[in-house]
Amino acid sequence: MNTFKGPFRVIFEDLRIQFYILTGATVVLSIVYLIIGKILSSHDTFTIGASFGPYYSLYIYYPFLAYTKAYKYTLSLGGTRKQFLLSTIANIGLFLLMTTFILNFFYYLTDYLSNQGIISTSLIHMGDLVKGGSPLLYPWIDLLWGIILFGIGLFVSSFWFYFGTVRTMIGATFLLVLAISYIALGEIIPFIEFVNNEHLAFVHILAGISCLLIVLSYFIMRNGPLERCTKLNFSI
């Protein structure tokens, strides 16, 4: 497996199974919401639920799954760590586009049926928090949140795989203490106002940070261990 095609195929086949399962769950959820909207039809439109949950969970948990299965398969077949990382990023990018299309198909379908008076419900979309009227805003927000969640998931899973569970928990505890200290002692109201009033800018900032986390994950694991670190000492 000396080319990029082999590792890409390994990740693709693994991710495809997850995609089929979660697409099924998303379709079922959306159909259930449509049926409820038909049954509870009224003169006022109301928000009933979210269909993005299964796909959003894929972006954040798949890196952990990849390190437990696809990582070993890639290396055992002669692939490299760099090929594994680049293949994972490329495949997530591909499936992110596919899931965004499916999600927004149901969003637009629900809005169309609601405008026709067939149902009286709408689906929750993260784009509803953004002030804007562009039809491309909703799929763009889905893409950004996919990048955000994947960046977080890849960085945490890479850190966990390279440094082990104990050090990861120590790092998470340290960040949690910092967050609690800021909330308790800092001035958090301006931050909340920024998130509320400039939500689009806030999401773009998070997406930019997640892109940096993806790059950091690459540098952490490009020469990473063959197996997850299980040492309890603090030597690096």
Protein backbone atom coordinates (compact mmCIF):
# COMPACT_ATOMS: atom_id res chain seq x y z
CA MET A 1 0.00 0.00 0.00
CA ASN A 2 2.45 2.61 -1.24
CA THR A 3 -0.05 5.03 -2.76
CA PHE A 4 -2.76 7.23 -1.29
CA LYS A 5 -5.50 5.13 -2.90
CA GLY A 6 -5.16 2.17 -0.51
CA PRO A 7 -5.49 4.07 2.79
CA PHE A 8 -8.23 6.22 1.28
CA ARG A 9 -10.18 3.09 0.40
CA VAL A 10 -9.78 1.63 3.88
CA ILE A 11 -11.18 4.78 5.51
CA PHE A 12 -13.87 5.13 2.85
CA GLU A 13 -15.22 1.62 3.38
CA ASP A 14 -15.20 2.06 7.16
CA LEU A 15 -16.90 5.44 7.00
CA ARG A 16 -19.42 4.27 4.43
CA ILE A 17 -20.94 1.82 6.92
CA GLN A 18 -21.36 4.61 9.46
CA PHE A 19 -22.85 6.81 6.76
CA TYR A 20 -25.49 4.22 5.81
CA ILE A 21 -26.52 3.67 9.43
CA LEU A 22 -26.75 7.34 10.29
CA THR A 23 -28.47 8.23 7.02
CA GLY A 24 -31.13 5.67 7.87
CA ALA A 25 -31.55 7.23 11.31
CA THR A 26 -31.73 10.72 9.79
CA VAL A 27 -34.34 9.70 7.23
CA VAL A 28 -36.48 7.99 9.87
CA LEU A 29 -36.27 11.03 12.15
CA SER A 30 -37.20 13.40 9.35
CA ILE A 31 -40.14 11.25 8.23
CA VAL A 32 -41.40 11.01 11.81
CA TYR A 33 -41.23 14.81 12.11
CA LEU A 34 -43.13 15.19 8.84
CA ILE A 35 -45.84 12.78 10.01
CA ILE A 36 -46.17 14.59 13.33
CA GLY A 37 -46.35 17.88 11.46
CA LYS A 38 -49.20 16.50 9.36
CA ILE A 39 -51.09 15.14 12.36
CA LEU A 40 -50.66 18.32 14.40
CA SER A 41 -51.37 20.67 11.52
CA SER A 42 -52.55 24.12 12.60
CA HIS A 43 -52.53 27.71 11.40
CA ASP A 44 -49.26 28.51 13.17
CA THR A 45 -45.92 26.98 12.22
CA PHE A 46 -43.90 25.55 15.09
CA THR A 47 -40.46 23.95 15.40
CA ILE A 48 -40.60 20.27 16.19
CA GLY A 49 -37.13 18.71 16.24
CA ALA A 50 -33.67 18.36 14.75
CA SER A 51 -32.50 15.91 12.10
CA PHE A 52 -28.82 16.82 12.28
CA GLY A 53 -28.07 14.88 15.47
CA PRO A 54 -26.90 11.59 13.88
CA TYR A 55 -24.62 13.28 11.35
CA TYR A 56 -23.18 15.77 13.81
CA SER A 57 -22.31 12.91 16.15
CA LEU A 58 -20.47 11.18 13.27
CA TYR A 59 -18.11 14.11 12.80
CA ILE A 60 -16.98 14.11 16.41
CA TYR A 61 -16.86 10.40 17.27
CA TYR A 62 -15.55 8.93 14.02
CA PRO A 63 -11.88 9.92 14.67
CA PHE A 64 -11.97 7.80 17.84
CA LEU A 65 -13.43 4.89 15.88
CA ALA A 66 -10.84 5.33 13.13
CA TYR A 67 -7.95 5.05 15.59
CA THR A 68 -9.34 1.79 16.97
CA LYS A 69 -9.91 0.10 13.59
CA ALA A 70 -8.86 1.82 10.37
CA TYR A 71 -5.53 3.02 11.80
CA LYS A 72 -4.40 -0.53 12.51
CA TYR A 73 -5.65 -1.82 9.15
CA THR A 74 -3.87 0.96 7.27
CA LEU A 75 -0.53 0.35 8.96
CA SER A 76 -0.80 -3.44 8.75
CA LEU A 77 -1.34 -3.18 4.99
CA GLY A 78 1.76 -1.06 4.52
CA GLY A 79 0.24 2.40 4.74
CA THR A 80 1.81 5.26 6.67
CA ARG A 81 0.51 7.45 9.45
CA LYS A 82 0.50 10.46 7.14
CA GLN A 83 -1.58 8.56 4.60
CA PHE A 84 -4.02 7.55 7.33
CA LEU A 85 -4.44 11.13 8.54
CA LEU A 86 -4.80 12.62 5.07
CA SER A 87 -7.22 9.86 4.06
CA THR A 88 -9.35 10.47 7.15
CA ILE A 89 -9.48 14.22 6.49
CA ALA A 90 -10.28 13.73 2.80
CA ASN A 91 -13.02 11.18 3.48
CA ILE A 92 -14.64 13.28 6.19
CA GLY A 93 -14.62 16.21 3.77
CA LEU A 94 -16.34 14.07 1.13
CA PHE A 95 -18.97 12.69 3.49
CA LEU A 96 -19.48 16.14 5.01
CA LEU A 97 -20.60 17.39 1.61
CA MET A 98 -22.93 14.42 1.20
CA THR A 99 -24.50 14.75 4.64
CA THR A 100 -24.94 18.50 4.17
CA PHE A 101 -26.87 17.86 0.95
CA ILE A 102 -29.14 15.28 2.62
CA LEU A 103 -29.82 17.44 5.68
CA ASN A 104 -30.69 20.51 3.67
CA PHE A 105 -32.90 18.49 1.34
CA PHE A 106 -35.11 17.69 4.33
CA TYR A 107 -34.91 21.27 5.59
CA TYR A 108 -36.10 22.66 2.26
CA LEU A 109 -38.69 19.90 1.88
CA THR A 110 -40.14 20.72 5.30
CA ASP A 111 -40.23 24.44 4.50
CA TYR A 112 -41.91 23.76 1.15
CA LEU A 113 -44.60 21.56 2.72
CA SER A 114 -45.12 24.14 5.44
CA ASN A 115 -45.51 26.97 2.92
CA GLN A 116 -48.05 24.85 1.02
CA GLY A 117 -50.06 24.35 4.20
CA ILE A 118 -49.57 20.57 4.14
CA ILE A 119 -47.77 20.53 7.50
CA SER A 120 -47.31 23.14 10.19
CA THR A 121 -43.85 22.27 11.51
CA SER A 122 -40.28 23.18 10.72
CA LEU A 123 -37.00 21.48 11.61
CA ILE A 124 -34.41 22.99 13.92
CA HIS A 125 -31.38 24.20 11.99
CA MET A 126 -28.21 25.75 13.40
CA GLY A 127 -28.57 28.39 10.70
CA ASP A 128 -31.65 29.72 12.49
CA LEU A 129 -29.28 31.34 14.99
CA VAL A 130 -27.65 33.39 12.25
CA LYS A 131 -29.13 36.62 10.99
CA GLY A 132 -29.17 36.40 7.22
CA GLY A 133 -31.42 35.62 4.29
CA SER A 134 -29.12 33.92 1.81
CA PRO A 135 -30.32 30.48 0.64
CA LEU A 136 -26.71 29.26 0.84
CA LEU A 137 -26.43 30.21 4.51
CA TYR A 138 -27.98 27.01 5.85
CA PRO A 139 -25.76 24.51 4.01
CA TRP A 140 -22.74 26.71 4.76
CA ILE A 141 -23.52 26.63 8.50
CA ASP A 142 -23.83 22.83 8.34
CA LEU A 143 -20.41 22.65 6.66
CA LEU A 144 -18.87 24.91 9.30
CA TRP A 145 -20.30 22.93 12.20
CA GLY A 146 -19.09 19.71 10.60
CA ILE A 147 -15.57 21.17 10.44
CA ILE A 148 -15.83 22.38 14.04
CA LEU A 149 -16.93 19.02 15.42
CA PHE A 150 -14.49 17.01 13.32
CA GLY A 151 -11.59 19.27 14.29
CA ILE A 152 -12.38 18.83 17.97
CA GLY A 153 -12.87 15.08 17.61
CA LEU A 154 -9.67 14.56 15.62
CA PHE A 155 -7.53 16.62 17.98
CA VAL A 156 -8.87 15.00 21.16
CA SER A 157 -8.58 11.48 19.69
CA SER A 158 -5.05 12.16 18.40
CA PHE A 159 -3.98 13.60 21.76
CA TRP A 160 -5.58 10.63 23.54
CA PHE A 161 -3.92 8.10 21.25
CA TYR A 162 -0.47 9.69 21.48
CA PHE A 163 -0.37 10.70 25.17
CA GLY A 164 -2.75 8.17 26.73
CA THR A 165 -5.91 8.37 28.81
CA VAL A 166 -4.34 9.70 32.03
CA ARG A 167 -2.67 12.72 30.45
CA THR A 168 -5.75 13.42 28.34
CA MET A 169 -7.91 13.47 31.46
CA ILE A 170 -5.43 15.75 33.20
CA GLY A 171 -5.50 18.14 30.24
CA ALA A 172 -9.30 18.06 30.10
CA THR A 173 -9.51 18.76 33.83
CA PHE A 174 -7.14 21.71 33.48
CA LEU A 175 -9.23 23.20 30.67
CA LEU A 176 -12.42 22.62 32.67
CA VAL A 177 -10.96 24.44 35.67
CA LEU A 178 -9.97 27.36 33.44
CA ALA A 179 -13.46 27.51 31.95
CA ILE A 180 -15.16 27.40 35.34
CA SER A 181 -12.79 30.06 36.69
CA TYR A 182 -13.54 32.33 33.75
CA ILE A 183 -17.30 31.86 34.15
CA ALA A 184 -17.14 32.43 37.90
CA LEU A 185 -14.61 35.29 38.03
CA GLY A 186 -14.53 36.77 34.53
CA GLU A 187 -16.89 39.01 32.62
CA ILE A 188 -18.83 36.52 30.52
CA ILE A 189 -21.74 38.77 29.49
CA PRO A 190 -19.80 40.44 26.59
CA PHE A 191 -18.90 36.99 25.29
CA ILE A 192 -22.54 35.86 25.40
CA GLU A 193 -23.61 39.05 23.65
CA PHE A 194 -21.00 38.48 20.95
CA VAL A 195 -22.18 34.90 20.39
CA ASN A 196 -25.78 36.08 20.18
CA ASN A 197 -25.30 39.20 18.07
CA GLU A 198 -22.43 38.05 15.86
CA HIS A 199 -23.19 34.36 15.65
CA LEU A 200 -21.98 33.97 12.07
CA ALA A 201 -18.60 35.47 12.97
CA PHE A 202 -18.49 33.27 16.07
CA VAL A 203 -19.06 30.10 14.02
CA HIS A 204 -16.37 31.13 11.53
CA ILE A 205 -13.91 31.70 14.39
CA LEU A 206 -14.68 28.26 15.80
CA ALA A 207 -14.22 26.72 12.34
CA GLY A 208 -10.86 28.48 11.99
CA ILE A 209 -9.74 27.16 15.38
CA SER A 210 -10.86 23.67 14.38
CA CYS A 211 -8.79 23.89 11.19
CA LEU A 212 -5.78 24.68 13.37
CA LEU A 213 -6.64 21.68 15.56
CA ILE A 214 -6.70 19.48 12.46
CA VAL A 215 -3.23 20.72 11.51
CA LEU A 216 -1.98 20.13 15.08
CA SER A 217 -3.43 16.60 14.98
CA TYR A 218 -1.44 15.94 11.82
CA PHE A 219 1.82 17.04 13.45
CA ILE A 220 1.06 15.05 16.60
CA MET A 221 0.36 11.78 14.80
CA ARG A 222 2.49 11.93 11.65
CA ASN A 223 5.16 9.99 13.57
CA GLY A 224 2.80 8.64 16.21
CA PRO A 225 2.95 5.28 17.99
CA LEU A 226 1.66 2.07 16.48
CA GLU A 227 -0.64 1.53 19.44
CA ARG A 228 -2.36 3.84 21.89
CA CYS A 229 -0.15 5.02 24.73
CA THR A 230 -0.97 3.22 28.00
CA LYS A 231 1.94 4.46 30.11
CA LEU A 232 1.13 6.08 33.44
CA ASN A 233 4.38 8.00 33.79
CA PHE A 234 4.75 11.59 32.65
CA SER A 235 7.72 11.26 30.34
CA ILE A 236 7.04 12.23 26.74
